[in-house]
N, C-alpha and C. Protein backbone atom coordinates (compact mmCIF):
# COMPACT_ATOMS: atom_id res chain seq x y z
N MET A 1 -21.84 -3.21 -10.35
CA MET A 1 -20.88 -2.20 -10.41
C MET A 1 -20.05 -2.69 -11.66
N PRO A 2 -19.53 -1.98 -12.70
CA PRO A 2 -18.70 -2.63 -13.42
C PRO A 2 -17.16 -2.92 -12.98
N SER A 3 -16.65 -3.87 -13.47
CA SER A 3 -15.46 -4.50 -12.74
C SER A 3 -14.43 -4.69 -13.88
N LYS A 4 -13.03 -4.73 -13.31
CA LYS A 4 -12.02 -5.09 -14.16
C LYS A 4 -11.00 -5.91 -13.25
N THR A 5 -10.85 -7.19 -13.70
CA THR A 5 -9.64 -8.00 -12.74
C THR A 5 -8.38 -7.74 -13.65
N VAL A 6 -7.28 -7.37 -12.77
CA VAL A 6 -5.95 -7.15 -13.44
C VAL A 6 -4.80 -7.82 -12.80
N ILE A 7 -3.85 -7.93 -13.10
CA ILE A 7 -2.51 -8.57 -12.38
C ILE A 7 -1.59 -7.27 -11.86
N VAL A 8 -1.31 -7.21 -10.68
CA VAL A 8 -0.58 -6.23 -10.26
C VAL A 8 1.08 -6.45 -10.87
N GLY A 9 1.52 -5.39 -11.31
CA GLY A 9 2.89 -5.41 -12.31
C GLY A 9 3.84 -4.74 -11.28
N SER A 10 3.67 -4.08 -10.29
CA SER A 10 4.69 -3.58 -9.55
C SER A 10 5.77 -4.57 -8.90
N ALA A 11 6.88 -4.41 -8.85
CA ALA A 11 8.01 -5.43 -8.54
C ALA A 11 7.82 -5.71 -7.26
N ILE A 12 7.40 -4.96 -6.27
CA ILE A 12 7.17 -5.31 -4.85
C ILE A 12 5.94 -5.21 -4.46
N GLY A 13 4.90 -5.10 -5.39
CA GLY A 13 3.36 -5.14 -5.20
C GLY A 13 3.05 -4.02 -4.64
N LEU A 14 1.76 -3.60 -4.18
CA LEU A 14 1.16 -2.63 -3.92
C LEU A 14 1.59 -1.89 -2.42
N HIS A 15 2.68 -1.56 -2.51
CA HIS A 15 3.39 -1.01 -1.49
C HIS A 15 3.29 0.58 -1.37
N ALA A 16 3.87 1.29 -0.42
CA ALA A 16 3.44 2.59 -0.37
C ALA A 16 3.58 3.55 -1.60
N ARG A 17 4.50 3.39 -2.53
CA ARG A 17 4.87 4.10 -3.69
C ARG A 17 3.60 3.92 -4.49
N PRO A 18 3.36 2.84 -4.92
CA PRO A 18 2.20 2.54 -5.96
C PRO A 18 0.92 2.85 -5.56
N ALA A 19 0.89 2.42 -4.03
CA ALA A 19 -0.46 2.78 -3.65
C ALA A 19 -0.53 4.33 -3.53
N ALA A 20 0.28 5.10 -3.33
CA ALA A 20 0.15 6.54 -3.35
C ALA A 20 -0.19 7.15 -4.70
N ILE A 21 0.54 6.35 -5.62
CA ILE A 21 -0.08 6.81 -7.16
C ILE A 21 -1.23 6.55 -7.47
N ILE A 22 -1.91 5.43 -7.03
CA ILE A 22 -2.99 4.92 -7.23
C ILE A 22 -4.18 5.62 -6.66
N SER A 23 -4.02 5.98 -5.40
CA SER A 23 -5.21 6.44 -4.62
C SER A 23 -5.06 8.07 -5.29
N GLU A 24 -4.10 8.74 -5.57
CA GLU A 24 -3.89 10.07 -6.03
C GLU A 24 -4.72 10.03 -7.33
N ALA A 25 -4.74 9.29 -8.12
CA ALA A 25 -5.52 9.09 -9.42
C ALA A 25 -7.08 8.87 -9.05
N ALA A 26 -7.24 7.91 -8.21
CA ALA A 26 -8.70 7.48 -7.66
C ALA A 26 -9.41 8.83 -7.07
N VAL A 27 -8.72 9.61 -6.32
CA VAL A 27 -9.27 10.99 -5.63
C VAL A 27 -9.40 12.00 -6.84
N GLU A 28 -8.41 12.14 -7.71
CA GLU A 28 -8.62 12.74 -8.93
C GLU A 28 -9.79 12.64 -9.88
N ALA A 29 -10.21 11.28 -9.93
CA ALA A 29 -11.05 10.49 -10.57
C ALA A 29 -12.51 11.41 -10.18
N GLY A 30 -12.65 11.62 -8.90
CA GLY A 30 -13.79 12.01 -8.37
C GLY A 30 -15.04 11.31 -8.25
N VAL A 31 -14.94 9.91 -8.38
CA VAL A 31 -16.01 8.95 -8.36
C VAL A 31 -15.36 7.86 -7.41
N PRO A 32 -16.37 6.90 -6.93
CA PRO A 32 -16.14 6.00 -6.29
C PRO A 32 -15.28 4.65 -6.98
N VAL A 33 -14.10 4.44 -6.42
CA VAL A 33 -13.39 3.28 -7.14
C VAL A 33 -13.03 2.42 -5.71
N THR A 34 -13.10 1.06 -6.16
CA THR A 34 -12.82 -0.01 -5.13
C THR A 34 -11.77 -0.95 -5.70
N LEU A 35 -10.99 -1.37 -4.68
CA LEU A 35 -10.00 -2.74 -5.18
C LEU A 35 -10.34 -3.69 -4.19
N SER A 36 -10.13 -4.94 -4.65
CA SER A 36 -10.36 -6.16 -3.81
C SER A 36 -9.45 -7.27 -4.36
N VAL A 37 -8.89 -7.99 -3.47
CA VAL A 37 -8.19 -9.17 -3.85
C VAL A 37 -8.81 -10.50 -3.41
N ASP A 38 -8.94 -11.57 -4.30
CA ASP A 38 -9.43 -12.93 -4.10
C ASP A 38 -11.01 -12.94 -3.57
N GLY A 39 -11.55 -11.77 -4.04
CA GLY A 39 -13.19 -11.92 -3.49
C GLY A 39 -13.24 -11.32 -2.17
N GLY A 40 -12.13 -10.80 -1.41
CA GLY A 40 -12.33 -10.21 -0.27
C GLY A 40 -12.90 -8.59 -0.29
N GLU A 41 -13.04 -8.36 0.95
CA GLU A 41 -13.69 -6.91 1.16
C GLU A 41 -13.09 -6.03 0.25
N PRO A 42 -14.08 -5.24 -0.63
CA PRO A 42 -13.32 -4.07 -1.22
C PRO A 42 -12.82 -3.01 -0.39
N VAL A 43 -11.74 -2.22 -0.91
CA VAL A 43 -11.16 -1.17 -0.22
C VAL A 43 -11.41 0.14 -1.02
N ASP A 44 -11.56 1.31 -0.52
CA ASP A 44 -11.36 2.61 -1.20
C ASP A 44 -9.92 2.72 -1.68
N ALA A 45 -9.98 2.94 -3.24
CA ALA A 45 -8.95 3.21 -4.10
C ALA A 45 -8.38 4.56 -3.98
N GLY A 46 -9.03 5.52 -3.18
CA GLY A 46 -8.77 6.99 -2.70
C GLY A 46 -7.98 6.62 -1.38
N SER A 47 -7.70 5.81 -0.93
CA SER A 47 -6.87 5.68 0.34
C SER A 47 -5.62 4.87 0.23
N ALA A 48 -4.26 5.17 0.24
CA ALA A 48 -3.15 4.57 0.02
C ALA A 48 -3.03 3.51 1.19
N LEU A 49 -3.43 3.92 2.36
CA LEU A 49 -3.19 3.07 3.37
C LEU A 49 -4.25 1.86 3.31
N MET A 50 -5.70 1.97 2.64
CA MET A 50 -6.24 0.85 2.59
C MET A 50 -5.89 0.09 1.35
N ILE A 51 -5.08 0.63 0.28
CA ILE A 51 -4.77 -0.16 -0.58
C ILE A 51 -3.53 -1.15 -0.08
N MET A 52 -2.92 -0.57 0.63
CA MET A 52 -1.80 -1.40 1.24
C MET A 52 -2.21 -2.46 2.04
N THR A 53 -3.54 -2.24 2.76
CA THR A 53 -3.90 -3.41 3.70
C THR A 53 -4.31 -4.69 2.58
N LEU A 54 -4.49 -4.33 1.26
CA LEU A 54 -4.63 -5.77 0.77
C LEU A 54 -3.64 -6.76 0.63
N GLY A 55 -2.23 -6.12 0.82
CA GLY A 55 -1.46 -6.98 0.73
C GLY A 55 -1.19 -7.78 -0.85
N ALA A 56 -1.26 -7.11 -1.65
CA ALA A 56 -1.25 -7.62 -3.09
C ALA A 56 0.22 -7.49 -3.56
N GLY A 57 0.84 -8.52 -3.63
CA GLY A 57 2.28 -8.77 -4.55
C GLY A 57 2.04 -8.67 -5.85
N LYS A 58 3.42 -8.66 -6.22
CA LYS A 58 3.46 -8.80 -7.78
C LYS A 58 2.90 -10.08 -8.24
N GLY A 59 2.06 -9.91 -9.19
CA GLY A 59 1.27 -11.30 -9.68
C GLY A 59 0.07 -11.27 -9.22
N ALA A 60 -0.42 -10.78 -7.81
CA ALA A 60 -1.78 -10.97 -7.29
C ALA A 60 -3.00 -10.42 -8.58
N GLU A 61 -3.97 -11.02 -8.29
CA GLU A 61 -5.27 -10.56 -9.19
C GLU A 61 -6.01 -9.57 -8.26
N VAL A 62 -6.22 -8.45 -8.79
CA VAL A 62 -6.83 -7.20 -8.07
C VAL A 62 -8.00 -6.80 -8.94
N THR A 63 -9.24 -7.00 -8.27
CA THR A 63 -10.48 -6.33 -9.00
C THR A 63 -10.60 -4.97 -8.78
N VAL A 64 -10.73 -4.32 -9.84
CA VAL A 64 -11.16 -2.77 -9.75
C VAL A 64 -12.46 -2.64 -9.94
N GLU A 65 -13.36 -1.90 -9.28
CA GLU A 65 -14.92 -1.74 -9.47
C GLU A 65 -15.09 -0.37 -9.44
N SER A 66 -15.75 0.21 -10.52
CA SER A 66 -16.34 1.69 -10.68
C SER A 66 -17.59 1.88 -11.58
N ASP A 67 -18.44 2.76 -11.40
CA ASP A 67 -19.42 2.87 -12.31
C ASP A 67 -18.93 3.82 -13.34
N ASP A 68 -17.76 4.51 -13.22
CA ASP A 68 -17.34 5.51 -14.14
C ASP A 68 -15.99 4.65 -15.27
N GLU A 69 -16.49 4.37 -16.31
CA GLU A 69 -15.37 3.40 -17.17
C GLU A 69 -14.31 4.29 -17.26
N SER A 70 -14.15 5.49 -17.42
CA SER A 70 -12.79 6.09 -17.41
C SER A 70 -11.96 5.90 -16.20
N ALA A 71 -12.50 5.99 -15.08
CA ALA A 71 -12.02 5.76 -13.72
C ALA A 71 -11.60 4.37 -13.57
N LEU A 72 -12.58 3.34 -14.08
CA LEU A 72 -12.13 2.13 -13.85
C LEU A 72 -10.75 1.70 -14.76
N ASN A 73 -10.77 2.23 -16.08
CA ASN A 73 -9.93 1.81 -16.92
C ASN A 73 -8.42 2.65 -16.46
N THR A 74 -8.39 3.71 -15.81
CA THR A 74 -7.29 4.53 -15.31
C THR A 74 -6.69 3.76 -14.06
N ILE A 75 -7.41 3.31 -13.02
CA ILE A 75 -7.04 2.64 -12.22
C ILE A 75 -6.51 1.10 -12.47
N ALA A 76 -7.29 0.58 -13.43
CA ALA A 76 -6.69 -0.73 -13.72
C ALA A 76 -5.47 -0.76 -14.28
N ASP A 77 -5.08 0.25 -15.30
CA ASP A 77 -3.83 0.46 -15.92
C ASP A 77 -2.83 0.71 -14.79
N LEU A 78 -3.10 1.40 -14.01
CA LEU A 78 -2.08 1.64 -13.06
C LEU A 78 -1.51 0.70 -12.13
N VAL A 79 -2.78 -0.34 -11.76
CA VAL A 79 -2.26 -1.42 -10.97
C VAL A 79 -1.62 -2.47 -11.68
N GLU A 80 -1.74 -2.40 -13.21
CA GLU A 80 -0.81 -3.31 -14.08
C GLU A 80 0.48 -2.99 -14.26
N LYS A 81 0.87 -1.58 -14.15
CA LYS A 81 2.11 -1.02 -14.55
C LYS A 81 3.12 -1.26 -13.36
N ASP A 82 4.19 -1.36 -13.63
CA ASP A 82 5.41 -1.46 -12.67
C ASP A 82 5.72 0.11 -12.26
N LEU A 83 5.10 0.21 -11.12
CA LEU A 83 5.12 1.70 -10.58
C LEU A 83 6.37 1.97 -9.81
N ASP A 84 7.04 1.01 -9.87
CA ASP A 84 8.70 1.16 -9.17
C ASP A 84 9.73 1.45 -9.99
N ALA A 85 9.42 1.34 -11.32
CA ALA A 85 10.28 1.54 -12.11
C ALA A 85 10.73 3.05 -12.40
């Protein structure tokens, strides 16, 4: 599955607000998208709760995976943005 590794840009990491924004975009994409940290078990990007379980703080490396290039890029871009601003 194609992947992209990006750096978390949100000041407080992937807590509730960024996780909700990312999961909403993943659901809207309509294709499977997963996130993982440090080679750990991938989680469904369509679930804000699962995203929060990653414990990804600002500056953490997150790997985004999806067979759909558009969804991959959209979610990767969101992970990199400061969604707390």
